[in-house]
Amino acid sequence: MTATSNLKQEAPLWREHVTQWRDSGLTQAAYCRDHDLCPHNFSYHKRKYSTALVPINHKPSGFVSVQRLPEPQHHDPLSLHFTNGVRLIGITASNVSVVKQLAELLS
């Protein structure tokens, strides 16, 4: 048996190991220990078969995917009307503590 034919016979075995490892949830080291595999060989084949799916001459198009965010909901601002005619307008969650202090001074 030649070295080339031996490598061709081993390829499906390594692909199967890589697939089983991904499905196992184990670390690579634990999988190699459990299956009596050399971690360096496993890493080589894992990299070989995962990069085999990426086109070699892939040229980026320059476009990127974007996701449109929903329009923010605008609420009418809250306002306070005091009996002396003073009005506080534009009360939001970010300024409510200041409005509280002003209301205490004005009431």
C-alpha atoms as a PDB file:
ATOM      1  CA  MET A   1       0.000   0.000   0.000  1.00  0.00           C
ATOM      2  CA  THR A   2       1.418   3.420  -0.937  1.00  0.00           C
ATOM      3  CA  ALA A   3       1.540   6.447   1.368  1.00  0.00           C
ATOM      4  CA  THR A   4      -1.012   8.273  -0.804  1.00  0.00           C
ATOM      5  CA  SER A   5      -3.566   5.481  -0.654  1.00  0.00           C
ATOM      6  CA  ASN A   6      -2.998   5.166   3.115  1.00  0.00           C
ATOM      7  CA  LEU A   7      -3.773   8.880   3.572  1.00  0.00           C
ATOM      8  CA  LYS A   8      -6.921   8.524   1.460  1.00  0.00           C
ATOM      9  CA  GLN A   9      -8.107   5.704   3.703  1.00  0.00           C
ATOM     10  CA  GLU A  10      -7.402   7.712   6.878  1.00  0.00           C
ATOM     11  CA  ALA A  11      -9.234  10.852   5.734  1.00  0.00           C
ATOM     12  CA  PRO A  12     -12.773   9.548   6.435  1.00  0.00           C
ATOM     13  CA  LEU A  13     -11.602   8.302   9.848  1.00  0.00           C
ATOM     14  CA  TRP A  14     -10.272  11.734  10.837  1.00  0.00           C
ATOM     15  CA  ARG A  15     -13.364  13.494   9.502  1.00  0.00           C
ATOM     16  CA  GLU A  16     -15.496  11.182  11.612  1.00  0.00           C
ATOM     17  CA  HIS A  17     -13.380  11.909  14.693  1.00  0.00           C
ATOM     18  CA  VAL A  18     -13.678  15.664  14.152  1.00  0.00           C
ATOM     19  CA  THR A  19     -17.463  15.378  13.757  1.00  0.00           C
ATOM     20  CA  GLN A  20     -17.809  13.167  16.825  1.00  0.00           C
ATOM     21  CA  TRP A  21     -15.637  15.543  18.875  1.00  0.00           C
ATOM     22  CA  ARG A  22     -17.801  18.566  17.908  1.00  0.00           C
ATOM     23  CA  ASP A  23     -20.954  16.675  18.866  1.00  0.00           C
ATOM     24  CA  SER A  24     -19.481  15.295  22.106  1.00  0.00           C
ATOM     25  CA  GLY A  25     -19.174  18.532  24.063  1.00  0.00           C
ATOM     26  CA  LEU A  26     -15.779  17.366  25.303  1.00  0.00           C
ATOM     27  CA  THR A  27     -12.622  19.401  25.189  1.00  0.00           C
ATOM     28  CA  GLN A  28     -10.237  18.429  22.443  1.00  0.00           C
ATOM     29  CA  ALA A  29      -7.763  17.051  25.001  1.00  0.00           C
ATOM     30  CA  ALA A  30     -10.428  14.911  26.704  1.00  0.00           C
ATOM     31  CA  TYR A  31     -11.674  13.546  23.378  1.00  0.00           C
ATOM     32  CA  CYS A  32      -8.124  12.647  22.319  1.00  0.00           C
ATOM     33  CA  ARG A  33      -7.499  10.878  25.641  1.00  0.00           C
ATOM     34  CA  ASP A  34     -10.757   8.936  25.403  1.00  0.00           C
ATOM     35  CA  HIS A  35     -10.003   7.806  21.834  1.00  0.00           C
ATOM     36  CA  ASP A  36      -6.254   7.343  22.221  1.00  0.00           C
ATOM     37  CA  LEU A  37      -5.456  10.011  19.607  1.00  0.00           C
ATOM     38  CA  CYS A  38      -2.406  12.233  19.348  1.00  0.00           C
ATOM     39  CA  PRO A  39      -3.630  15.795  20.105  1.00  0.00           C
ATOM     40  CA  HIS A  40      -1.252  17.317  17.535  1.00  0.00           C
ATOM     41  CA  ASN A  41      -2.540  15.047  14.760  1.00  0.00           C
ATOM     42  CA  PHE A  42      -6.109  15.737  15.806  1.00  0.00           C
ATOM     43  CA  SER A  43      -5.500  19.527  15.691  1.00  0.00           C
ATOM     44  CA  TYR A  44      -3.975  19.204  12.245  1.00  0.00           C
ATOM     45  CA  HIS A  45      -6.952  17.287  10.858  1.00  0.00           C
ATOM     46  CA  LYS A  46      -9.495  19.474  12.627  1.00  0.00           C
ATOM     47  CA  ARG A  47      -7.951  22.568  11.038  1.00  0.00           C
ATOM     48  CA  LYS A  48      -7.603  20.819   7.681  1.00  0.00           C
ATOM     49  CA  TYR A  49     -11.260  19.825   7.486  1.00  0.00           C
ATOM     50  CA  SER A  50     -12.693  23.029   8.906  1.00  0.00           C
ATOM     51  CA  THR A  51     -10.736  25.254   6.496  1.00  0.00           C
ATOM     52  CA  ALA A  52     -11.495  22.951   3.594  1.00  0.00           C
ATOM     53  CA  LEU A  53     -15.008  24.417   3.580  1.00  0.00           C
ATOM     54  CA  VAL A  54     -13.775  28.001   3.063  1.00  0.00           C
ATOM     55  CA  PRO A  55     -13.096  29.034  -0.535  1.00  0.00           C
ATOM     56  CA  ILE A  56      -9.406  29.639  -1.074  1.00  0.00           C
ATOM     57  CA  ASN A  57      -9.781  32.576  -3.486  1.00  0.00           C
ATOM     58  CA  HIS A  58     -12.638  34.210  -1.634  1.00  0.00           C
ATOM     59  CA  LYS A  59     -12.758  37.927  -2.414  1.00  0.00           C
ATOM     60  CA  PRO A  60     -14.855  40.014  -0.060  1.00  0.00           C
ATOM     61  CA  SER A  61     -17.606  41.952  -1.785  1.00  0.00           C
ATOM     62  CA  GLY A  62     -17.223  45.024   0.386  1.00  0.00           C
ATOM     63  CA  PHE A  63     -20.770  44.693   1.645  1.00  0.00           C
ATOM     64  CA  VAL A  64     -21.670  43.907   5.222  1.00  0.00           C
ATOM     65  CA  SER A  65     -24.895  42.653   6.709  1.00  0.00           C
ATOM     66  CA  VAL A  66     -26.877  45.164   8.718  1.00  0.00           C
ATOM     67  CA  GLN A  67     -29.950  44.821  10.810  1.00  0.00           C
ATOM     68  CA  ARG A  68     -32.479  47.597  11.014  1.00  0.00           C
ATOM     69  CA  LEU A  69     -33.395  48.450  14.555  1.00  0.00           C
ATOM     70  CA  PRO A  70     -37.008  49.214  15.392  1.00  0.00           C
ATOM     71  CA  GLU A  71     -37.917  52.872  15.605  1.00  0.00           C
ATOM     72  CA  PRO A  72     -37.640  54.177  19.156  1.00  0.00           C
ATOM     73  CA  GLN A  73     -40.932  54.888  20.811  1.00  0.00           C
ATOM     74  CA  HIS A  74     -41.343  58.527  21.704  1.00  0.00           C
ATOM     75  CA  HIS A  75     -43.565  59.361  24.602  1.00  0.00           C
ATOM     76  CA  ASP A  76     -44.948  62.752  25.350  1.00  0.00           C
ATOM     77  CA  PRO A  77     -42.882  64.219  28.152  1.00  0.00           C
ATOM     78  CA  LEU A  78     -44.456  64.481  31.550  1.00  0.00           C
ATOM     79  CA  SER A  79     -45.167  67.973  32.878  1.00  0.00           C
ATOM     80  CA  LEU A  80     -46.104  69.382  36.280  1.00  0.00           C
ATOM     81  CA  HIS A  81     -48.412  72.404  36.718  1.00  0.00           C
ATOM     82  CA  PHE A  82     -48.287  74.184  40.060  1.00  0.00           C
ATOM     83  CA  THR A  83     -51.048  76.369  41.484  1.00  0.00           C
ATOM     84  CA  ASN A  84     -48.774  79.410  41.362  1.00  0.00           C
ATOM     85  CA  GLY A  85     -48.579  79.063  37.540  1.00  0.00           C
ATOM     86  CA  VAL A  86     -45.150  77.430  37.311  1.00  0.00           C
ATOM     87  CA  ARG A  87     -44.875  74.533  34.908  1.00  0.00           C
ATOM     88  CA  LEU A  88     -42.118  71.917  34.659  1.00  0.00           C
ATOM     89  CA  ILE A  89     -42.090  70.351  31.191  1.00  0.00           C
ATOM     90  CA  GLY A  90     -39.977  67.564  29.698  1.00  0.00           C
ATOM     91  CA  ILE A  91     -39.722  65.265  32.666  1.00  0.00           C
ATOM     92  CA  THR A  92     -38.061  61.979  31.748  1.00  0.00           C
ATOM     93  CA  ALA A  93     -36.563  59.049  33.622  1.00  0.00           C
ATOM     94  CA  SER A  94     -33.117  60.609  33.274  1.00  0.00           C
ATOM     95  CA  ASN A  95     -34.022  63.895  34.978  1.00  0.00           C
ATOM     96  CA  VAL A  96     -36.683  62.841  37.470  1.00  0.00           C
ATOM     97  CA  SER A  97     -34.390  63.327  40.486  1.00  0.00           C
ATOM     98  CA  VAL A  98     -33.764  66.975  39.504  1.00  0.00           C
ATOM     99  CA  VAL A  99     -37.480  67.499  38.909  1.00  0.00           C
ATOM    100  CA  LYS A 100     -38.231  66.089  42.368  1.00  0.00           C
ATOM    101  CA  GLN A 101     -35.854  68.602  43.962  1.00  0.00           C
ATOM    102  CA  LEU A 102     -37.396  71.457  41.968  1.00  0.00           C
ATOM    103  CA  ALA A 103     -40.926  70.379  42.897  1.00  0.00           C
ATOM    104  CA  GLU A 104     -40.030  70.396  46.572  1.00  0.00           C
ATOM    105  CA  LEU A 105     -38.642  73.940  46.254  1.00  0.00           C
ATOM    106  CA  LEU A 106     -41.633  75.223  44.278  1.00  0.00           C
ATOM    107  CA  SER A 107     -44.430  73.673  46.299  1.00  0.00           C
END
